[in-house]
N, C-alpha and C. Protein backbone atom coordinates (compact mmCIF):
# COMPACT_ATOMS: atom_id res chain seq x y z
N UNK A 1 23.73 -10.35 16.69
CA UNK A 1 22.93 -10.22 15.95
C UNK A 1 23.77 -9.66 14.44
N UNK A 2 23.26 -9.73 13.49
CA UNK A 2 23.67 -9.07 12.36
C UNK A 2 23.17 -7.60 12.07
N UNK A 3 23.41 -7.15 11.67
CA UNK A 3 22.54 -5.94 11.19
C UNK A 3 21.16 -6.20 10.28
N UNK A 4 20.91 -6.93 9.53
CA UNK A 4 19.51 -7.17 8.88
C UNK A 4 18.94 -7.73 10.29
N UNK A 5 19.46 -8.25 11.07
CA UNK A 5 18.50 -8.30 12.43
C UNK A 5 18.10 -7.41 13.07
N UNK A 6 19.27 -7.21 12.99
CA UNK A 6 18.72 -4.99 14.09
C UNK A 6 17.99 -4.78 13.01
N UNK A 7 18.08 -4.66 11.96
CA UNK A 7 16.86 -3.73 11.58
C UNK A 7 15.46 -4.22 11.18
N UNK A 8 15.28 -5.45 11.45
CA UNK A 8 14.13 -5.90 11.70
C UNK A 8 13.53 -5.61 12.56
N UNK A 9 14.37 -6.00 13.99
CA UNK A 9 14.03 -5.33 15.47
C UNK A 9 13.40 -3.68 15.52
N UNK A 10 13.76 -2.93 14.50
CA UNK A 10 13.99 -1.34 14.32
C UNK A 10 12.36 -1.50 13.71
N UNK A 11 11.94 -2.51 13.12
CA UNK A 11 10.89 -2.22 12.15
C UNK A 11 9.75 -2.91 12.64
N UNK A 12 9.75 -3.96 13.82
CA UNK A 12 9.44 -4.22 14.39
C UNK A 12 8.68 -3.49 15.61
N UNK A 13 9.47 -2.69 16.13
CA UNK A 13 9.60 -1.58 16.96
C UNK A 13 8.55 -0.20 16.29
N UNK A 14 8.82 -0.05 15.25
CA UNK A 14 8.40 0.93 14.49
C UNK A 14 6.30 0.68 14.07
N UNK A 15 6.88 -0.71 13.89
CA UNK A 15 4.95 -1.01 13.30
C UNK A 15 4.30 -1.24 14.41
N UNK A 16 5.09 -1.34 15.71
CA UNK A 16 3.89 -1.58 16.55
C UNK A 16 3.76 -0.38 17.08
N UNK A 17 4.40 0.38 17.21
CA UNK A 17 4.58 2.31 17.22
C UNK A 17 3.18 2.73 16.54
N UNK A 18 3.64 2.20 15.33
CA UNK A 18 2.51 2.68 13.99
C UNK A 18 1.07 2.16 14.39
N UNK A 19 0.94 0.72 14.52
CA UNK A 19 -0.60 -0.16 14.21
C UNK A 19 -1.36 0.84 16.22
N UNK A 20 -0.81 1.14 16.97
CA UNK A 20 -0.98 1.26 18.50
C UNK A 20 -0.84 2.42 18.70
N UNK A 21 -0.41 3.56 17.73
CA UNK A 21 -0.71 4.57 17.95
C UNK A 21 0.45 5.56 18.87
N UNK A 22 1.61 4.48 19.38
CA UNK A 22 2.21 5.19 20.08
C UNK A 22 3.60 5.27 19.78
N UNK A 23 4.09 6.34 20.30
CA UNK A 23 5.44 7.30 19.80
C UNK A 23 6.18 5.89 20.20
N UNK A 24 7.40 5.79 18.90
CA UNK A 24 8.40 4.47 18.89
C UNK A 24 9.13 4.63 20.10
N UNK A 25 9.32 5.81 20.53
CA UNK A 25 10.17 5.96 22.07
C UNK A 25 10.04 5.17 23.09
N UNK A 26 8.49 5.60 23.04
CA UNK A 26 7.83 4.48 24.29
C UNK A 26 7.57 3.37 23.73
N UNK A 27 7.79 3.06 22.88
CA UNK A 27 8.02 1.25 22.70
C UNK A 27 9.30 0.66 23.01
N UNK A 28 10.25 1.65 22.53
CA UNK A 28 11.62 1.38 22.80
C UNK A 28 11.59 0.79 24.30
N UNK A 29 11.02 2.06 25.08
CA UNK A 29 10.67 2.10 26.47
C UNK A 29 10.70 0.31 27.13
N UNK A 30 9.19 0.10 26.45
CA UNK A 30 8.46 -0.72 26.87
C UNK A 30 8.92 -2.15 26.26
N UNK A 31 9.75 -2.06 25.27
CA UNK A 31 10.37 -3.48 25.15
C UNK A 31 11.93 -3.90 25.93
N UNK A 32 12.43 -2.65 26.44
CA UNK A 32 13.31 -2.90 27.38
C UNK A 32 12.69 -3.14 28.94
N UNK A 33 11.61 -2.48 29.26
CA UNK A 33 10.99 -2.93 30.34
C UNK A 33 10.33 -4.08 30.37
N UNK A 34 10.24 -4.87 29.31
CA UNK A 34 9.83 -6.48 28.92
C UNK A 34 11.16 -7.16 29.05
N UNK A 35 12.02 -6.81 29.01
CA UNK A 35 13.51 -7.15 28.68
C UNK A 35 13.93 -8.03 27.40
N UNK A 36 13.02 -7.43 26.31
CA UNK A 36 13.82 -7.68 25.38
C UNK A 36 14.78 -6.96 24.40
N UNK A 37 15.57 -7.58 23.86
CA UNK A 37 16.93 -6.86 23.39
C UNK A 37 16.50 -5.74 22.59
N UNK A 38 16.95 -4.79 22.41
CA UNK A 38 17.09 -4.06 21.36
C UNK A 38 18.83 -3.31 21.60
N UNK A 39 19.20 -4.02 19.85
CA UNK A 39 20.36 -3.73 19.39
C UNK A 39 20.61 -1.83 19.23
N UNK A 40 22.15 -1.67 19.59
CA UNK A 40 22.34 -0.18 19.34
C UNK A 40 21.50 0.29 17.61
N UNK A 41 21.76 -0.54 16.80
CA UNK A 41 21.18 -0.23 15.25
C UNK A 41 20.21 0.08 15.11
N UNK A 42 19.06 -0.84 15.67
CA UNK A 42 17.59 -0.83 15.60
C UNK A 42 17.18 0.38 16.23
N UNK A 43 17.88 0.55 17.63
CA UNK A 43 17.61 1.95 18.32
C UNK A 43 17.80 3.30 17.67
N UNK A 44 18.94 3.57 16.70
CA UNK A 44 19.24 4.46 15.96
C UNK A 44 18.49 4.63 14.79
N UNK A 45 17.92 3.64 14.45
CA UNK A 45 17.26 3.67 13.13
C UNK A 45 15.66 4.25 13.83
N UNK A 46 15.02 3.67 14.78
CA UNK A 46 13.88 4.07 15.25
C UNK A 46 13.92 5.28 15.68
N UNK A 47 14.87 5.72 16.36
CA UNK A 47 15.31 7.29 16.77
C UNK A 47 15.13 8.10 15.60
N UNK A 48 15.89 7.65 14.49
CA UNK A 48 16.20 8.61 13.44
C UNK A 48 14.77 8.84 12.63
N UNK A 49 14.19 7.36 12.43
CA UNK A 49 12.79 7.69 11.90
C UNK A 49 12.16 8.32 12.45
N UNK A 50 11.44 8.43 14.46
CA UNK A 50 11.00 8.92 14.64
C UNK A 50 11.26 10.63 14.32
N UNK A 51 12.52 10.86 14.58
CA UNK A 51 12.67 12.20 14.52
C UNK A 51 12.46 12.99 13.03
N UNK A 52 12.72 12.25 11.87
CA UNK A 52 12.25 12.62 10.45
C UNK A 52 10.78 11.88 9.98
N UNK A 53 9.93 11.54 10.61
CA UNK A 53 8.74 11.51 10.49
C UNK A 53 8.31 11.93 9.36
N UNK A 54 7.64 13.38 9.67
CA UNK A 54 7.04 14.16 8.80
C UNK A 54 8.28 14.90 7.66
N UNK A 55 8.92 14.70 7.55
CA UNK A 55 10.10 14.61 6.38
C UNK A 55 9.63 12.89 5.54
N UNK A 56 10.05 11.96 6.14
CA UNK A 56 9.80 10.79 5.36
C UNK A 56 8.43 10.43 4.84
N UNK A 57 7.37 11.10 6.17
CA UNK A 57 5.39 10.67 5.04
C UNK A 57 5.59 11.85 3.89
N UNK A 58 6.28 13.20 4.35
CA UNK A 58 5.89 13.80 2.96
C UNK A 58 6.58 13.24 1.30
N UNK A 59 7.79 13.28 1.88
CA UNK A 59 8.53 12.53 0.53
C UNK A 59 7.91 10.95 -0.16
N UNK A 60 7.31 10.25 1.14
CA UNK A 60 6.69 8.97 0.16
C UNK A 60 5.07 9.70 -0.46
N UNK A 61 4.41 11.00 0.38
CA UNK A 61 3.39 10.97 -0.36
C UNK A 61 3.54 11.39 -1.55
N UNK A 62 5.07 12.42 -1.70
CA UNK A 62 5.25 13.00 -2.70
C UNK A 62 5.45 12.01 -3.84
N UNK A 63 6.09 10.85 -3.56
CA UNK A 63 6.72 10.06 -4.49
C UNK A 63 6.14 8.66 -4.95
N UNK A 64 5.03 8.23 -3.80
CA UNK A 64 3.78 7.17 -4.11
C UNK A 64 2.84 7.73 -5.17
N UNK A 65 2.92 7.89 -6.36
CA UNK A 65 1.84 8.28 -7.31
C UNK A 65 0.27 7.61 -6.53
N UNK A 66 -0.30 8.28 -6.42
CA UNK A 66 -1.66 7.59 -6.43
C UNK A 66 -2.11 7.00 -4.62
N UNK A 67 -1.00 6.77 -4.28
CA UNK A 67 -1.22 6.47 -2.45
C UNK A 67 -0.70 7.37 -1.48
N UNK A 68 -1.71 7.46 -0.54
CA UNK A 68 -1.31 8.23 0.64
C UNK A 68 -0.73 7.68 1.59
N UNK A 69 0.21 7.98 2.50
CA UNK A 69 0.83 7.17 3.39
C UNK A 69 -0.41 6.59 4.37
N UNK A 70 -1.09 7.15 4.61
CA UNK A 70 -1.95 6.44 5.70
C UNK A 70 -3.06 5.34 4.91
N UNK A 71 -2.95 5.09 3.18
CA UNK A 71 -3.88 4.10 2.88
C UNK A 71 -2.70 3.52 2.42
N UNK A 72 -1.53 3.39 3.08
CA UNK A 72 -0.61 2.36 2.70
C UNK A 72 -0.56 1.19 3.94
N UNK A 73 -0.28 0.07 3.90
CA UNK A 73 -0.46 -1.31 4.62
C UNK A 73 0.31 -0.75 5.66
N UNK A 74 0.26 -0.78 6.85
CA UNK A 74 1.13 -0.52 8.07
C UNK A 74 2.45 -1.01 7.76
N UNK A 75 2.48 -2.75 7.70
CA UNK A 75 3.75 -2.98 7.45
C UNK A 75 4.66 -2.28 6.47
N UNK A 76 3.77 -2.12 5.16
CA UNK A 76 4.57 -1.70 4.06
C UNK A 76 5.47 -0.17 4.60
N UNK A 77 4.48 0.57 4.67
CA UNK A 77 4.51 2.24 5.22
C UNK A 77 5.58 2.09 6.33
N UNK A 78 5.98 1.17 7.08
CA UNK A 78 7.00 0.95 8.48
C UNK A 78 8.26 0.61 7.83
N UNK A 79 8.30 -0.59 6.65
CA UNK A 79 9.30 -0.64 5.96
C UNK A 79 10.27 0.14 4.93
N UNK A 80 9.02 1.25 4.60
CA UNK A 80 9.60 2.22 3.62
C UNK A 80 9.77 3.26 4.57
N UNK A 81 9.39 3.79 4.86
CA UNK A 81 10.23 4.75 6.15
C UNK A 81 11.48 4.46 6.70
N UNK A 82 11.69 2.89 7.35
CA UNK A 82 13.04 3.09 7.46
C UNK A 82 14.07 3.08 6.26
N UNK A 83 13.60 2.71 5.06
CA UNK A 83 14.64 2.44 3.74
C UNK A 83 14.68 3.76 3.26
N UNK A 84 13.40 4.78 3.75
CA UNK A 84 13.72 6.49 3.84
C UNK A 84 14.98 7.11 4.28
N UNK A 85 14.72 6.60 5.24
CA UNK A 85 15.73 7.27 6.46
C UNK A 85 17.10 6.70 6.46
N UNK A 86 17.23 5.60 6.15
CA UNK A 86 18.33 5.18 5.29
C UNK A 86 19.01 5.57 4.67
N UNK A 87 18.21 5.60 2.97
CA UNK A 87 18.41 6.18 2.02
C UNK A 87 18.77 7.57 2.04
N UNK A 88 18.15 8.55 2.78
CA UNK A 88 18.44 10.01 3.38
C UNK A 88 19.85 10.14 4.08
N UNK A 89 19.18 9.56 5.43
CA UNK A 89 20.05 10.17 6.72
C UNK A 89 20.90 9.31 6.95
N UNK A 90 20.96 8.15 6.24
CA UNK A 90 21.93 6.97 7.37
C UNK A 90 23.42 6.95 6.36
N UNK A 91 24.31 8.11 6.57
CA UNK A 91 25.45 7.91 5.55
C UNK A 91 26.69 6.68 5.67
N UNK A 92 26.09 5.62 6.79
CA UNK A 92 26.81 4.60 6.62
C UNK A 92 26.54 3.45 5.92
N UNK A 93 25.14 3.68 5.69
CA UNK A 93 24.34 2.48 4.58
C UNK A 93 24.17 2.79 2.88
N UNK A 94 24.95 2.42 1.96
CA UNK A 94 24.57 2.95 0.75
C UNK A 94 23.88 2.89 0.29
N UNK A 95 22.74 3.38 -0.93
CA UNK A 95 21.90 3.71 -1.60
C UNK A 95 21.49 2.11 -2.09
N UNK A 96 22.28 1.36 -2.44
CA UNK A 96 21.83 -0.18 -3.32
C UNK A 96 21.27 -1.30 -2.02
N UNK A 97 22.50 -1.24 -0.67
CA UNK A 97 22.10 -1.50 0.49
C UNK A 97 20.41 -0.91 1.33
N UNK A 98 20.42 0.10 1.38
CA UNK A 98 19.22 0.57 1.77
C UNK A 98 18.06 0.10 0.90
N UNK A 99 18.15 0.10 -0.29
CA UNK A 99 16.75 -0.19 -1.38
C UNK A 99 16.77 -1.65 -1.04
N UNK A 100 17.83 -2.62 -0.85
CA UNK A 100 18.31 -4.01 -1.04
C UNK A 100 17.04 -4.59 0.51
N UNK A 101 17.59 -4.27 1.13
CA UNK A 101 17.30 -4.52 2.48
C UNK A 101 15.83 -4.21 2.94
N UNK A 102 15.06 -3.02 2.24
CA UNK A 102 14.12 -2.84 2.32
C UNK A 102 12.85 -3.55 1.75
N UNK A 103 13.35 -3.94 0.57
CA UNK A 103 12.85 -4.60 -0.54
C UNK A 103 12.61 -6.55 0.07
N UNK A 104 14.23 -6.89 0.44
CA UNK A 104 14.08 -8.04 0.99
C UNK A 104 13.02 -8.25 2.64
N UNK A 105 13.06 -6.88 2.87
CA UNK A 105 12.05 -6.85 4.22
C UNK A 105 10.64 -7.38 4.22
N UNK A 106 10.35 -6.54 3.01
CA UNK A 106 9.01 -7.14 2.30
C UNK A 106 8.59 -7.95 1.58
N UNK A 107 10.03 -8.55 0.95
CA UNK A 107 9.59 -9.75 0.62
C UNK A 107 9.17 -10.86 1.51
N UNK A 108 10.23 -11.04 2.55
CA UNK A 108 9.46 -11.96 3.71
C UNK A 108 8.86 -11.47 4.51
N UNK A 109 8.47 -10.28 5.11
CA UNK A 109 7.24 -9.93 6.02
C UNK A 109 6.01 -9.64 4.94
N UNK A 110 5.61 -9.38 3.91
CA UNK A 110 4.56 -8.86 3.52
C UNK A 110 4.35 -9.30 2.19
N UNK A 111 3.75 -8.77 1.14
CA UNK A 111 3.16 -9.59 -0.48
C UNK A 111 4.24 -9.58 -0.99
N UNK A 112 3.98 -9.90 -2.07
CA UNK A 112 4.66 -9.60 -3.43
C UNK A 112 4.81 -8.74 -4.14
N UNK A 113 3.18 -8.03 -3.94
CA UNK A 113 2.99 -6.81 -4.60
C UNK A 113 3.80 -5.80 -3.81
N UNK A 114 3.85 -6.65 -2.38
CA UNK A 114 4.64 -5.11 -1.27
C UNK A 114 5.87 -4.90 -1.73
N UNK A 115 6.95 -5.93 -2.43
CA UNK A 115 7.96 -6.21 -3.11
C UNK A 115 8.37 -5.00 -3.76
N UNK A 116 7.65 -5.31 -4.91
CA UNK A 116 7.56 -4.50 -5.76
C UNK A 116 7.09 -3.03 -5.67
N UNK A 117 6.51 -2.29 -4.86
CA UNK A 117 5.52 -1.53 -4.40
C UNK A 117 6.77 -1.04 -3.98
N UNK A 118 7.29 -1.51 -2.50
CA UNK A 118 8.78 -0.91 -1.99
C UNK A 118 9.82 -0.59 -2.73
N UNK A 119 10.17 -1.32 -3.70
CA UNK A 119 11.11 -1.36 -4.42
C UNK A 119 10.83 0.25 -5.96
N UNK A 120 10.27 0.30 -6.13
CA UNK A 120 9.47 1.76 -6.80
C UNK A 120 9.60 2.60 -6.00
N UNK A 121 9.29 3.05 -4.88
CA UNK A 121 8.92 4.14 -4.40
C UNK A 121 10.44 4.47 -3.90
N UNK A 122 11.63 3.67 -3.27
CA UNK A 122 12.09 4.14 -2.61
C UNK A 122 13.71 4.28 -3.88
N UNK A 123 13.16 3.61 -5.26
CA UNK A 123 14.34 3.79 -6.36
C UNK A 123 13.92 5.03 -6.79
N UNK A 124 12.67 5.35 -6.71
CA UNK A 124 12.44 6.76 -7.38
C UNK A 124 12.98 7.91 -6.50
N UNK A 125 12.80 7.38 -4.99
CA UNK A 125 13.78 8.46 -4.07
C UNK A 125 14.89 8.70 -4.26
N UNK A 126 15.69 7.41 -4.21
CA UNK A 126 17.00 7.42 -4.35
C UNK A 126 17.36 8.23 -5.56
N UNK A 127 16.71 8.03 -7.12
CA UNK A 127 17.16 9.12 -8.28
C UNK A 127 17.07 10.61 -7.92
N UNK A 128 15.92 10.68 -7.33
CA UNK A 128 15.28 12.18 -7.32
C UNK A 128 15.44 13.42 -6.03
N UNK A 129 16.31 12.11 -4.94
CA UNK A 129 16.14 12.61 -3.56
C UNK A 129 17.68 13.09 -3.09
N UNK A 130 18.13 11.58 -3.43
CA UNK A 130 19.63 11.53 -2.89
C UNK A 130 20.81 12.13 -3.90
N UNK A 131 21.36 13.10 -3.57
CA UNK A 131 22.61 13.77 -4.10
C UNK A 131 23.75 12.85 -3.62
């Protein structure tokens, strides 16, 4: 699998956790029990987002003008969470890659508006938070 495919698996797991109100690590375990492949990179993203979720959501609340995290579409919220995690805590992912992968995921999985929404918020976070 490519890193993009691994990232999508991570998004799928985190999205499932979000919409079902289940802990991301529990969803990881459920996927494994169902013999679904969980690539190491996907697992690292899921665990990283889960570990930093309060920090990530605070950043999203701060930088998404007129939007609360709970008002965001679940899929867009999930994509943004992965993007923020990669921007700020994945040293091996360049800023441009973190943003472009999130925007691409939004374009393929969500709406045209989501693509612009994700790009705007992650761009703002990259400018204001990443040093």
